[in-house]
Amino acid sequence: YNCDHYVYPQHLLGNIHHDSIDAINNSEAAMAFG
């Protein structure tokens, strides 16, 4: 999730079994949130 204060369904970025942490970190969703 984006942040532990944003553990809500709409802020789920992915799952590490399908998406790497590195990829999620550089995803549009993560960057837009920040």
PDB file of all heavy atoms in Angstrom:
ATOM      1  N   TYR A   1       0.833  -1.201   0.000  1.00  0.00           N
ATOM      2  CA  TYR A   1       0.000   0.000   0.000  1.00  0.00           C
ATOM      3  C   TYR A   1       0.873   1.259   0.000  1.00  0.00           C
ATOM      4  O   TYR A   1       2.052   1.220   0.370  1.00  0.00           O
ATOM      5  CB  TYR A   1      -0.901   0.025   1.236  1.00  0.00           C
ATOM      6  CG  TYR A   1      -1.983  -1.028   1.242  1.00  0.00           C
ATOM      7  CD1 TYR A   1      -1.728  -2.309   1.713  1.00  0.00           C
ATOM      8  CD2 TYR A   1      -3.274  -0.740   0.794  1.00  0.00           C
ATOM      9  CE1 TYR A   1      -2.728  -3.288   1.744  1.00  0.00           C
ATOM     10  CE2 TYR A   1      -4.276  -1.699   0.815  1.00  0.00           C
ATOM     11  CZ  TYR A   1      -3.993  -2.966   1.290  1.00  0.00           C
ATOM     12  OH  TYR A   1      -4.985  -3.928   1.308  1.00  0.00           O
ATOM     13  N   ASN A   2       0.249   2.387  -0.362  1.00  0.00           N
ATOM     14  CA  ASN A   2       0.969   3.656  -0.403  1.00  0.00           C
ATOM     15  C   ASN A   2       1.680   3.988   0.898  1.00  0.00           C
ATOM     16  O   ASN A   2       2.790   4.522   0.900  1.00  0.00           O
ATOM     17  CB  ASN A   2       0.010   4.806  -0.733  1.00  0.00           C
ATOM     18  CG  ASN A   2      -0.321   4.899  -2.210  1.00  0.00           C
ATOM     19  OD1 ASN A   2      -1.477   4.817  -2.600  1.00  0.00           O
ATOM     20  ND2 ASN A   2       0.696   5.069  -3.047  1.00  0.00           N
ATOM     21  N   CYS A   3       1.021   3.684   2.019  1.00  0.00           N
ATOM     22  CA  CYS A   3       1.530   4.099   3.328  1.00  0.00           C
ATOM     23  C   CYS A   3       0.724   3.344   4.372  1.00  0.00           C
ATOM     24  O   CYS A   3      -0.400   2.909   4.099  1.00  0.00           O
ATOM     25  CB  CYS A   3       1.347   5.611   3.481  1.00  0.00           C
ATOM     26  SG  CYS A   3       1.601   6.276   5.144  1.00  0.00           S
ATOM     27  N   ASP A   4       1.274   3.164   5.581  1.00  0.00           N
ATOM     28  CA  ASP A   4       0.490   2.423   6.570  1.00  0.00           C
ATOM     29  C   ASP A   4      -0.708   3.228   7.079  1.00  0.00           C
ATOM     30  O   ASP A   4      -1.616   2.674   7.684  1.00  0.00           O
ATOM     31  CB  ASP A   4       1.363   1.917   7.722  1.00  0.00           C
ATOM     32  CG  ASP A   4       1.809   2.992   8.684  1.00  0.00           C
ATOM     33  OD1 ASP A   4       1.936   4.148   8.254  1.00  0.00           O
ATOM     34  OD2 ASP A   4       2.041   2.674   9.857  1.00  0.00           O
ATOM     35  N   HIS A   5      -0.727   4.536   6.795  1.00  0.00           N
ATOM     36  CA  HIS A   5      -1.917   5.341   7.097  1.00  0.00           C
ATOM     37  C   HIS A   5      -2.918   5.325   5.946  1.00  0.00           C
ATOM     38  O   HIS A   5      -3.984   5.928   6.032  1.00  0.00           O
ATOM     39  CB  HIS A   5      -1.526   6.782   7.411  1.00  0.00           C
ATOM     40  CG  HIS A   5      -0.887   6.942   8.756  1.00  0.00           C
ATOM     41  ND1 HIS A   5      -1.575   6.770   9.926  1.00  0.00           N
ATOM     42  CD2 HIS A   5       0.398   7.234   9.107  1.00  0.00           C
ATOM     43  CE1 HIS A   5      -0.759   6.971  10.954  1.00  0.00           C
ATOM     44  NE2 HIS A   5       0.435   7.249  10.485  1.00  0.00           N
ATOM     45  N   TYR A   6      -2.566   4.654   4.871  1.00  0.00           N
ATOM     46  CA  TYR A   6      -3.447   4.565   3.703  1.00  0.00           C
ATOM     47  C   TYR A   6      -3.677   3.118   3.288  1.00  0.00           C
ATOM     48  O   TYR A   6      -3.700   2.795   2.108  1.00  0.00           O
ATOM     49  CB  TYR A   6      -2.862   5.366   2.533  1.00  0.00           C
ATOM     50  CG  TYR A   6      -3.131   6.850   2.633  1.00  0.00           C
ATOM     51  CD1 TYR A   6      -2.324   7.676   3.405  1.00  0.00           C
ATOM     52  CD2 TYR A   6      -4.210   7.430   1.970  1.00  0.00           C
ATOM     53  CE1 TYR A   6      -2.576   9.039   3.515  1.00  0.00           C
ATOM     54  CE2 TYR A   6      -4.468   8.785   2.064  1.00  0.00           C
ATOM     55  CZ  TYR A   6      -3.650   9.585   2.838  1.00  0.00           C
ATOM     56  OH  TYR A   6      -3.911  10.937   2.940  1.00  0.00           O
ATOM     57  N   VAL A   7      -3.843   2.264   4.287  1.00  0.00           N
ATOM     58  CA  VAL A   7      -4.182   0.869   3.975  1.00  0.00           C
ATOM     59  C   VAL A   7      -5.688   0.791   3.780  1.00  0.00           C
ATOM     60  O   VAL A   7      -6.459   0.412   4.659  1.00  0.00           O
ATOM     61  CB  VAL A   7      -3.686  -0.092   5.076  1.00  0.00           C
ATOM     62  CG1 VAL A   7      -4.109  -1.530   4.786  1.00  0.00           C
ATOM     63  CG2 VAL A   7      -2.161  -0.021   5.182  1.00  0.00           C
ATOM     64  N   TYR A   8      -6.090   1.233   2.605  1.00  0.00           N
ATOM     65  CA  TYR A   8      -7.470   1.193   2.150  1.00  0.00           C
ATOM     66  C   TYR A   8      -7.463   0.567   0.755  1.00  0.00           C
ATOM     67  O   TYR A   8      -6.466   0.689   0.023  1.00  0.00           O
ATOM     68  CB  TYR A   8      -8.066   2.601   2.079  1.00  0.00           C
ATOM     69  CG  TYR A   8      -8.162   3.314   3.410  1.00  0.00           C
ATOM     70  CD1 TYR A   8      -7.143   4.161   3.834  1.00  0.00           C
ATOM     71  CD2 TYR A   8      -9.263   3.137   4.238  1.00  0.00           C
ATOM     72  CE1 TYR A   8      -7.217   4.822   5.057  1.00  0.00           C
ATOM     73  CE2 TYR A   8      -9.349   3.789   5.458  1.00  0.00           C
ATOM     74  CZ  TYR A   8      -8.332   4.624   5.872  1.00  0.00           C
ATOM     75  OH  TYR A   8      -8.412   5.267   7.075  1.00  0.00           O
ATOM     76  N   PRO A   9      -8.542  -0.100   0.363  1.00  0.00           N
ATOM     77  CA  PRO A   9      -8.562  -0.768  -0.951  1.00  0.00           C
ATOM     78  C   PRO A   9      -8.147   0.123  -2.117  1.00  0.00           C
ATOM     79  O   PRO A   9      -7.450  -0.320  -3.030  1.00  0.00           O
ATOM     80  CB  PRO A   9     -10.025  -1.218  -1.076  1.00  0.00           C
ATOM     81  CG  PRO A   9     -10.479  -1.415   0.332  1.00  0.00           C
ATOM     82  CD  PRO A   9      -9.787  -0.335   1.125  1.00  0.00           C
ATOM     83  N   GLN A  10      -8.541   1.391  -2.085  1.00  0.00           N
ATOM     84  CA  GLN A  10      -8.227   2.288  -3.201  1.00  0.00           C
ATOM     85  C   GLN A  10      -6.751   2.684  -3.247  1.00  0.00           C
ATOM     86  O   GLN A  10      -6.301   3.297  -4.225  1.00  0.00           O
ATOM     87  CB  GLN A  10      -9.098   3.545  -3.153  1.00  0.00           C
ATOM     88  CG  GLN A  10      -8.909   4.438  -1.936  1.00  0.00           C
ATOM     89  CD  GLN A  10      -9.861   4.102  -0.805  1.00  0.00           C
ATOM     90  OE1 GLN A  10     -10.134   2.928  -0.550  1.00  0.00           O
ATOM     91  NE2 GLN A  10     -10.368   5.124  -0.134  1.00  0.00           N
ATOM     92  N   HIS A  11      -5.995   2.345  -2.215  1.00  0.00           N
ATOM     93  CA  HIS A  11      -4.576   2.680  -2.188  1.00  0.00           C
ATOM     94  C   HIS A  11      -3.679   1.446  -2.263  1.00  0.00           C
ATOM     95  O   HIS A  11      -2.487   1.522  -1.948  1.00  0.00           O
ATOM     96  CB  HIS A  11      -4.253   3.499  -0.939  1.00  0.00           C
ATOM     97  CG  HIS A  11      -4.825   4.890  -0.981  1.00  0.00           C
ATOM     98  ND1 HIS A  11      -4.255   5.908  -1.712  1.00  0.00           N
ATOM     99  CD2 HIS A  11      -5.943   5.405  -0.412  1.00  0.00           C
ATOM    100  CE1 HIS A  11      -4.983   7.000  -1.585  1.00  0.00           C
ATOM    101  NE2 HIS A  11      -6.013   6.725  -0.802  1.00  0.00           N
ATOM    102  N   LEU A  12      -4.244   0.328  -2.679  1.00  0.00           N
ATOM    103  CA  LEU A  12      -3.451  -0.882  -2.906  1.00  0.00           C
ATOM    104  C   LEU A  12      -2.677  -0.740  -4.213  1.00  0.00           C
ATOM    105  O   LEU A  12      -3.261  -0.533  -5.274  1.00  0.00           O
ATOM    106  CB  LEU A  12      -4.372  -2.104  -2.960  1.00  0.00           C
ATOM    107  CG  LEU A  12      -3.717  -3.446  -3.295  1.00  0.00           C
ATOM    108  CD1 LEU A  12      -2.696  -3.836  -2.233  1.00  0.00           C
ATOM    109  CD2 LEU A  12      -4.784  -4.538  -3.429  1.00  0.00           C
ATOM    110  N   LEU A  13      -1.356  -0.843  -4.144  1.00  0.00           N
ATOM    111  CA  LEU A  13      -0.512  -0.638  -5.320  1.00  0.00           C
ATOM    112  C   LEU A  13      -0.204  -1.930  -6.071  1.00  0.00           C
ATOM    113  O   LEU A  13       0.107  -1.900  -7.266  1.00  0.00           O
ATOM    114  CB  LEU A  13       0.809   0.014  -4.896  1.00  0.00           C
ATOM    115  CG  LEU A  13       0.702   1.439  -4.343  1.00  0.00           C
ATOM    116  CD1 LEU A  13       2.033   1.870  -3.744  1.00  0.00           C
ATOM    117  CD2 LEU A  13       0.274   2.404  -5.432  1.00  0.00           C
ATOM    118  N   GLY A  14      -0.263  -3.046  -5.383  1.00  0.00           N
ATOM    119  CA  GLY A  14       0.071  -4.319  -6.016  1.00  0.00           C
ATOM    120  C   GLY A  14       0.426  -5.351  -4.968  1.00  0.00           C
ATOM    121  O   GLY A  14       0.250  -5.132  -3.771  1.00  0.00           O
ATOM    122  N   ASN A  15       0.935  -6.483  -5.417  1.00  0.00           N
ATOM    123  CA  ASN A  15       1.347  -7.564  -4.534  1.00  0.00           C
ATOM    124  C   ASN A  15       2.721  -8.042  -4.987  1.00  0.00           C
ATOM    125  O   ASN A  15       2.960  -8.210  -6.185  1.00  0.00           O
ATOM    126  CB  ASN A  15       0.336  -8.708  -4.581  1.00  0.00           C
ATOM    127  CG  ASN A  15       0.649  -9.805  -3.579  1.00  0.00           C
ATOM    128  OD1 ASN A  15       1.598 -10.574  -3.750  1.00  0.00           O
ATOM    129  ND2 ASN A  15      -0.148  -9.887  -2.522  1.00  0.00           N
ATOM    130  N   ILE A  16       3.619  -8.247  -4.033  1.00  0.00           N
ATOM    131  CA  ILE A  16       5.004  -8.558  -4.391  1.00  0.00           C
ATOM    132  C   ILE A  16       5.157  -9.909  -5.079  1.00  0.00           C
ATOM    133  O   ILE A  16       6.203 -10.193  -5.652  1.00  0.00           O
ATOM    134  CB  ILE A  16       5.933  -8.488  -3.163  1.00  0.00           C
ATOM    135  CG1 ILE A  16       5.547  -9.542  -2.107  1.00  0.00           C
ATOM    136  CG2 ILE A  16       5.932  -7.091  -2.566  1.00  0.00           C
ATOM    137  CD1 ILE A  16       6.565  -9.654  -0.976  1.00  0.00           C
ATOM    138  N   HIS A  17       4.120 -10.738  -5.048  1.00  0.00           N
ATOM    139  CA  HIS A  17       4.181 -11.995  -5.784  1.00  0.00           C
ATOM    140  C   HIS A  17       3.912 -11.783  -7.271  1.00  0.00           C
ATOM    141  O   HIS A  17       4.122 -12.691  -8.078  1.00  0.00           O
ATOM    142  CB  HIS A  17       3.183 -13.002  -5.201  1.00  0.00           C
ATOM    143  CG  HIS A  17       3.558 -13.489  -3.835  1.00  0.00           C
ATOM    144  ND1 HIS A  17       4.645 -14.287  -3.603  1.00  0.00           N
ATOM    145  CD2 HIS A  17       2.976 -13.279  -2.622  1.00  0.00           C
ATOM    146  CE1 HIS A  17       4.733 -14.558  -2.302  1.00  0.00           C
ATOM    147  NE2 HIS A  17       3.725 -13.947  -1.686  1.00  0.00           N
ATOM    148  N   HIS A  18       3.437 -10.603  -7.615  1.00  0.00           N
ATOM    149  CA  HIS A  18       3.137 -10.285  -9.014  1.00  0.00           C
ATOM    150  C   HIS A  18       3.904  -9.073  -9.528  1.00  0.00           C
ATOM    151  O   HIS A  18       4.167  -8.970 -10.733  1.00  0.00           O
ATOM    152  CB  HIS A  18       1.634 -10.039  -9.189  1.00  0.00           C
ATOM    153  CG  HIS A  18       0.774 -11.105  -8.590  1.00  0.00           C
ATOM    154  ND1 HIS A  18       0.750 -12.395  -9.064  1.00  0.00           N
ATOM    155  CD2 HIS A  18      -0.086 -11.072  -7.528  1.00  0.00           C
ATOM    156  CE1 HIS A  18      -0.097 -13.120  -8.330  1.00  0.00           C
ATOM    157  NE2 HIS A  18      -0.607 -12.333  -7.397  1.00  0.00           N
ATOM    158  N   ASP A  19       4.222  -8.145  -8.628  1.00  0.00           N
ATOM    159  CA  ASP A  19       4.926  -6.917  -9.008  1.00  0.00           C
ATOM    160  C   ASP A  19       6.096  -6.721  -8.052  1.00  0.00           C
ATOM    161  O   ASP A  19       5.945  -6.875  -6.834  1.00  0.00           O
ATOM    162  CB  ASP A  19       3.997  -5.703  -8.910  1.00  0.00           C
ATOM    163  CG  ASP A  19       2.689  -5.915  -9.640  1.00  0.00           C
ATOM    164  OD1 ASP A  19       2.689  -5.826 -10.873  1.00  0.00           O
ATOM    165  OD2 ASP A  19       1.677  -6.171  -8.962  1.00  0.00           O
ATOM    166  N   SER A  20       7.245  -6.360  -8.576  1.00  0.00           N
ATOM    167  CA  SER A  20       8.403  -6.162  -7.713  1.00  0.00           C
ATOM    168  C   SER A  20       8.280  -4.851  -6.940  1.00  0.00           C
ATOM    169  O   SER A  20       7.643  -3.894  -7.400  1.00  0.00           O
ATOM    170  CB  SER A  20       9.698  -6.159  -8.529  1.00  0.00           C
ATOM    171  OG  SER A  20       9.814  -4.967  -9.283  1.00  0.00           O
ATOM    172  N   ILE A  21       8.907  -4.796  -5.769  1.00  0.00           N
ATOM    173  CA  ILE A  21       8.918  -3.570  -4.974  1.00  0.00           C
ATOM    174  C   ILE A  21       9.572  -2.442  -5.765  1.00  0.00           C
ATOM    175  O   ILE A  21       9.113  -1.295  -5.744  1.00  0.00           O
ATOM    176  CB  ILE A  21       9.648  -3.798  -3.638  1.00  0.00           C
ATOM    177  CG1 ILE A  21       8.851  -4.768  -2.756  1.00  0.00           C
ATOM    178  CG2 ILE A  21       9.874  -2.474  -2.906  1.00  0.00           C
ATOM    179  CD1 ILE A  21       9.555  -5.167  -1.479  1.00  0.00           C
ATOM    180  N   ASP A  22      10.638  -2.766  -6.481  1.00  0.00           N
ATOM    181  CA  ASP A  22      11.329  -1.757  -7.282  1.00  0.00           C
ATOM    182  C   ASP A  22      10.398  -1.169  -8.341  1.00  0.00           C
ATOM    183  O   ASP A  22      10.357   0.053  -8.552  1.00  0.00           O
ATOM    184  CB  ASP A  22      12.559  -2.387  -7.947  1.00  0.00           C
ATOM    185  CG  ASP A  22      13.542  -1.340  -8.450  1.00  0.00           C
ATOM    186  OD1 ASP A  22      13.564  -0.229  -7.899  1.00  0.00           O
ATOM    187  OD2 ASP A  22      14.278  -1.636  -9.400  1.00  0.00           O
ATOM    188  N   ALA A  23       9.630  -2.034  -9.000  1.00  0.00           N
ATOM    189  CA  ALA A  23       8.702  -1.563 -10.036  1.00  0.00           C
ATOM    190  C   ALA A  23       7.591  -0.724  -9.428  1.00  0.00           C
ATOM    191  O   ALA A  23       7.205   0.326  -9.972  1.00  0.00           O
ATOM    192  CB  ALA A  23       8.118  -2.752 -10.791  1.00  0.00           C
ATOM    193  N   ILE A  24       7.048  -1.160  -8.301  1.00  0.00           N
ATOM    194  CA  ILE A  24       5.989  -0.397  -7.631  1.00  0.00           C
ATOM    195  C   ILE A  24       6.517   0.954  -7.171  1.00  0.00           C
ATOM    196  O   ILE A  24       5.833   1.982  -7.288  1.00  0.00           O
ATOM    197  CB  ILE A  24       5.418  -1.196  -6.447  1.00  0.00           C
ATOM    198  CG1 ILE A  24       4.652  -2.422  -6.962  1.00  0.00           C
ATOM    199  CG2 ILE A  24       4.505  -0.319  -5.588  1.00  0.00           C
ATOM    200  CD1 ILE A  24       4.172  -3.355  -5.858  1.00  0.00           C
ATOM    201  N   ASN A  25       7.731   0.983  -6.675  1.00  0.00           N
ATOM    202  CA  ASN A  25       8.335   2.224  -6.205  1.00  0.00           C
ATOM    203  C   ASN A  25       8.434   3.259  -7.317  1.00  0.00           C
ATOM    204  O   ASN A  25       8.351   4.466  -7.073  1.00  0.00           O
ATOM    205  CB  ASN A  25       9.731   1.923  -5.643  1.00  0.00           C
ATOM    206  CG  ASN A  25      10.353   3.123  -4.948  1.00  0.00           C
ATOM    207  OD1 ASN A  25       9.664   3.899  -4.292  1.00  0.00           O
ATOM    208  ND2 ASN A  25      11.660   3.269  -5.082  1.00  0.00           N
ATOM    209  N   ASN A  26       8.614   2.796  -8.536  1.00  0.00           N
ATOM    210  CA  ASN A  26       8.731   3.695  -9.678  1.00  0.00           C
ATOM    211  C   ASN A  26       7.466   3.754 -10.536  1.00  0.00           C
ATOM    212  O   ASN A  26       7.495   4.242 -11.663  1.00  0.00           O
ATOM    213  CB  ASN A  26       9.930   3.276 -10.538  1.00  0.00           C
ATOM    214  CG  ASN A  26      11.253   3.639  -9.892  1.00  0.00           C
ATOM    215  OD1 ASN A  26      11.688   4.775  -9.939  1.00  0.00           O
ATOM    216  ND2 ASN A  26      11.880   2.657  -9.250  1.00  0.00           N
ATOM    217  N   SER A  27       6.369   3.254  -9.986  1.00  0.00           N
ATOM    218  CA  SER A  27       5.113   3.261 -10.729  1.00  0.00           C
ATOM    219  C   SER A  27       4.481   4.650 -10.725  1.00  0.00           C
ATOM    220  O   SER A  27       4.753   5.486  -9.856  1.00  0.00           O
ATOM    221  CB  SER A  27       4.124   2.263 -10.107  1.00  0.00           C
ATOM    222  OG  SER A  27       3.726   2.687  -8.810  1.00  0.00           O
ATOM    223  N   GLU A  28       3.632   4.892 -11.696  1.00  0.00           N
ATOM    224  CA  GLU A  28       2.929   6.175 -11.780  1.00  0.00           C
ATOM    225  C   GLU A  28       2.068   6.412 -10.543  1.00  0.00           C
ATOM    226  O   GLU A  28       1.958   7.538 -10.059  1.00  0.00           O
ATOM    227  CB  GLU A  28       2.067   6.218 -13.041  1.00  0.00           C
ATOM    228  CG  GLU A  28       2.854   6.335 -14.335  1.00  0.00           C
ATOM    229  CD  GLU A  28       1.943   6.536 -15.540  1.00  0.00           C
ATOM    230  OE1 GLU A  28       0.735   6.777 -15.340  1.00  0.00           O
ATOM    231  OE2 GLU A  28       2.441   6.460 -16.674  1.00  0.00           O
ATOM    232  N   ALA A  29       1.454   5.339 -10.033  1.00  0.00           N
ATOM    233  CA  ALA A  29       0.572   5.483  -8.870  1.00  0.00           C
ATOM    234  C   ALA A  29       1.343   5.942  -7.642  1.00  0.00           C
ATOM    235  O   ALA A  29       0.890   6.823  -6.896  1.00  0.00           O
ATOM    236  CB  ALA A  29      -0.127   4.155  -8.592  1.00  0.00           C
ATOM    237  N   ALA A  30       2.516   5.350  -7.407  1.00  0.00           N
ATOM    238  CA  ALA A  30       3.322   5.733  -6.255  1.00  0.00           C
ATOM    239  C   ALA A  30       3.817   7.168  -6.385  1.00  0.00           C
ATOM    240  O   ALA A  30       3.777   7.953  -5.424  1.00  0.00           O
ATOM    241  CB  ALA A  30       4.503   4.779  -6.087  1.00  0.00           C
ATOM    242  N   MET A  31       4.269   7.520  -7.560  1.00  0.00           N
ATOM    243  CA  MET A  31       4.796   8.873  -7.764  1.00  0.00           C
ATOM    244  C   MET A  31       3.696   9.924  -7.690  1.00  0.00           C
ATOM    245  O   MET A  31       3.901  11.012  -7.140  1.00  0.00           O
ATOM    246  CB  MET A  31       5.542   8.939  -9.094  1.00  0.00           C
ATOM    247  CG  MET A  31       6.864   8.170  -9.076  1.00  0.00           C
ATOM    248  SD  MET A  31       7.884   8.418 -10.546  1.00  0.00           S
ATOM    249  CE  MET A  31       7.043   7.361 -11.723  1.00  0.00           C
ATOM    250  N   ALA A  32       2.515   9.590  -8.222  1.00  0.00           N
ATOM    251  CA  ALA A  32       1.398  10.539  -8.178  1.00  0.00           C
ATOM    252  C   ALA A  32       0.948  10.780  -6.742  1.00  0.00           C
ATOM    253  O   ALA A  32       0.639  11.918  -6.353  1.00  0.00           O
ATOM    254  CB  ALA A  32       0.240  10.016  -9.014  1.00  0.00           C
ATOM    255  N   PHE A  33       0.912   9.717  -5.938  1.00  0.00           N
ATOM    256  CA  PHE A  33       0.518   9.852  -4.540  1.00  0.00           C
ATOM    257  C   PHE A  33       1.485  10.783  -3.808  1.00  0.00           C
ATOM    258  O   PHE A  33       1.074  11.669  -3.049  1.00  0.00           O
ATOM    259  CB  PHE A  33       0.503   8.482  -3.869  1.00  0.00           C
ATOM    260  CG  PHE A  33       0.140   8.509  -2.409  1.00  0.00           C
ATOM    261  CD1 PHE A  33      -1.184   8.478  -2.013  1.00  0.00           C
ATOM    262  CD2 PHE A  33       1.129   8.572  -1.429  1.00  0.00           C
ATOM    263  CE1 PHE A  33      -1.527   8.507  -0.657  1.00  0.00           C
ATOM    264  CE2 PHE A  33       0.803   8.605  -0.078  1.00  0.00           C
ATOM    265  CZ  PHE A  33      -0.531   8.570   0.304  1.00  0.00           C
ATOM    266  N   GLY A  34       2.774  10.580  -4.031  1.00  0.00           N
ATOM    267  CA  GLY A  34       3.771  11.401  -3.350  1.00  0.00           C
ATOM    268  C   GLY A  34       3.774  12.844  -3.807  1.00  0.00           C
ATOM    269  O   GLY A  34       3.915  13.764  -2.992  1.00  0.00           O
TER     270      GLY A  34
END
